[in-house]
Amino acid sequence: QVQLVESGGGLVQAGGSLRLSCAASGRTFSSYAMGWFRQAPGKEREFVAAISASWRWNRFIIEYTDSVKGRFTISRDNAKNTIYLQMGSLKPEDTAVYYCAAFSGDLYYPSAAVGGWGQGTQVTVSS
């Protein structure tokens, strides 16, 4: 029942930056963990980043795949029902379709069920 709409993709030169946005509707946004996945041509969809629905241990629980640590930042604005992926120091290997995901619970873990997907937004990084 969740609807997700991504935006912000495009063509960027290596070393540049992009900010992806995902606007959610159809359920209580603040109650669910959210995340980003990506899929490059000919490859499987892979996890990129996730953020929990609420504070645990005095902070949001955030997870990144190793290849984007230090370069990408996930955030959420519950007042706007939106999550973001700030992508910096982009590399050609970051080229993929990026998908927003809403999880069925309040915390991401590798086997967490996905309750909904966005349509995807293309990110192309040129060398």
Protein backbone atom coordinates (compact mmCIF):
# COMPACT_ATOMS: atom_id res chain seq x y z
CA GLN A 1 0.00 0.00 0.00
CA VAL A 2 3.02 2.29 0.15
CA GLN A 3 3.82 4.48 -2.84
CA LEU A 4 7.38 5.67 -3.39
CA VAL A 5 8.59 8.16 -5.99
CA GLU A 6 12.30 8.74 -6.55
CA SER A 7 13.86 11.79 -8.16
CA GLY A 8 17.24 13.43 -8.55
CA GLY A 9 19.06 11.03 -10.83
CA GLY A 10 21.03 12.14 -13.84
CA LEU A 11 24.37 12.26 -15.58
CA VAL A 12 27.37 13.46 -13.62
CA GLN A 13 31.12 13.48 -14.10
CA ALA A 14 33.30 11.28 -11.91
CA GLY A 15 34.02 13.05 -8.65
CA GLY A 16 30.76 14.94 -8.73
CA SER A 17 27.69 14.79 -6.51
CA LEU A 18 23.98 14.09 -6.74
CA ARG A 19 21.16 14.04 -4.22
CA LEU A 20 18.41 11.49 -4.64
CA SER A 21 15.01 11.99 -3.05
CA CYS A 22 12.21 9.54 -2.33
CA ALA A 23 8.75 10.79 -1.41
CA ALA A 24 6.50 8.28 0.35
CA SER A 25 2.75 8.06 0.78
CA GLY A 26 0.12 5.47 1.63
CA ARG A 27 1.26 4.49 5.12
CA THR A 28 2.73 5.97 8.27
CA PHE A 29 6.17 6.96 7.02
CA SER A 30 7.77 7.51 10.40
CA SER A 31 6.97 3.95 11.55
CA TYR A 32 9.16 2.13 9.03
CA ALA A 33 12.79 1.80 8.13
CA MET A 34 13.68 3.11 4.67
CA GLY A 35 16.53 2.43 2.32
CA TRP A 36 18.18 2.56 -1.07
CA PHE A 37 19.17 -0.24 -3.42
CA ARG A 38 20.77 -0.09 -6.84
CA GLN A 39 21.03 -2.28 -9.90
CA ALA A 40 23.64 -1.94 -12.63
CA PRO A 41 23.11 -3.43 -16.10
CA GLY A 42 23.64 -7.18 -16.05
CA LYS A 43 24.04 -7.30 -12.26
CA GLU A 44 21.84 -8.18 -9.32
CA ARG A 45 20.14 -5.53 -7.26
CA GLU A 46 22.30 -4.66 -4.28
CA PHE A 47 21.76 -2.94 -0.97
CA VAL A 48 23.19 0.57 -0.67
CA ALA A 49 21.97 2.20 2.55
CA ALA A 50 19.20 2.10 5.14
CA ILE A 51 17.95 4.22 8.02
CA SER A 52 15.76 3.11 10.92
CA ALA A 53 12.35 4.52 11.72
CA SER A 54 13.28 5.93 15.11
CA TRP A 55 16.08 6.46 17.59
CA ARG A 56 17.85 3.47 19.08
CA TRP A 57 20.82 3.76 21.37
CA ASN A 58 20.51 7.56 21.12
CA ARG A 59 20.81 7.70 17.34
CA PHE A 60 19.22 6.49 14.12
CA ILE A 61 20.53 3.11 13.09
CA ILE A 62 22.14 3.63 9.69
CA GLU A 63 23.84 1.06 7.51
CA TYR A 64 25.85 1.40 4.29
CA THR A 65 27.37 -1.09 1.95
CA ASP A 66 31.16 -0.96 2.15
CA SER A 67 31.65 0.47 -1.33
CA VAL A 68 29.83 3.73 -0.50
CA LYS A 69 30.95 4.33 3.09
CA GLY A 70 32.43 7.80 3.48
CA ARG A 71 30.92 8.98 0.18
CA PHE A 72 27.14 8.57 0.53
CA THR A 73 24.85 9.84 3.28
CA ILE A 74 21.30 8.66 3.90
CA SER A 75 18.86 10.87 5.80
CA ARG A 76 15.15 11.22 6.38
CA ASP A 77 12.71 14.05 6.94
CA ASN A 78 9.59 12.62 8.54
CA ALA A 79 7.74 15.94 8.29
CA LYS A 80 8.07 15.74 4.50
CA ASN A 81 7.67 11.94 4.25
CA THR A 82 10.94 11.90 2.34
CA ILE A 83 14.30 10.17 2.47
CA TYR A 84 17.46 11.31 0.73
CA LEU A 85 20.69 9.85 -0.52
CA GLN A 86 23.45 12.41 -0.82
CA MET A 87 26.01 10.92 -3.18
CA GLY A 88 29.49 12.42 -3.34
CA SER A 89 32.81 11.51 -4.92
CA LEU A 90 30.89 9.54 -7.49
CA LYS A 91 32.66 6.84 -9.45
CA PRO A 92 31.76 5.16 -12.75
CA GLU A 93 31.02 1.98 -10.81
CA ASP A 94 28.20 3.84 -9.03
CA THR A 95 26.30 3.91 -12.32
CA ALA A 96 23.00 2.10 -11.77
CA VAL A 97 19.28 2.49 -11.38
CA TYR A 98 18.69 3.50 -7.77
CA TYR A 99 15.54 2.27 -6.04
CA CYS A 100 13.92 3.54 -2.88
CA ALA A 101 12.55 0.87 -0.54
CA ALA A 102 10.23 0.84 2.45
CA PHE A 103 10.78 -2.00 4.89
CA SER A 104 8.03 -3.74 6.82
CA GLY A 105 9.58 -3.02 10.22
CA ASP A 106 11.33 -0.22 12.06
CA LEU A 107 14.88 -1.51 11.59
CA TYR A 108 16.85 -2.73 8.60
CA TYR A 109 18.69 -6.02 8.65
CA PRO A 110 19.89 -8.18 5.73
CA SER A 111 16.79 -10.38 5.69
CA ALA A 112 14.32 -7.56 6.31
CA ALA A 113 11.18 -7.71 4.22
CA VAL A 114 10.58 -4.91 1.73
CA GLY A 115 7.06 -3.56 1.80
CA GLY A 116 7.34 -1.39 -1.28
CA TRP A 117 9.64 -0.21 -4.06
CA GLY A 118 9.92 2.97 -6.04
CA GLN A 119 10.14 3.00 -9.82
CA GLY A 120 13.86 3.78 -9.84
CA THR A 121 15.95 6.72 -10.97
CA GLN A 122 18.96 6.43 -13.27
CA VAL A 123 22.35 7.59 -12.07
CA THR A 124 25.10 7.66 -14.68
CA VAL A 125 28.66 8.61 -13.77
CA SER A 126 30.98 9.34 -16.66
CA SER A 127 34.73 8.91 -16.57
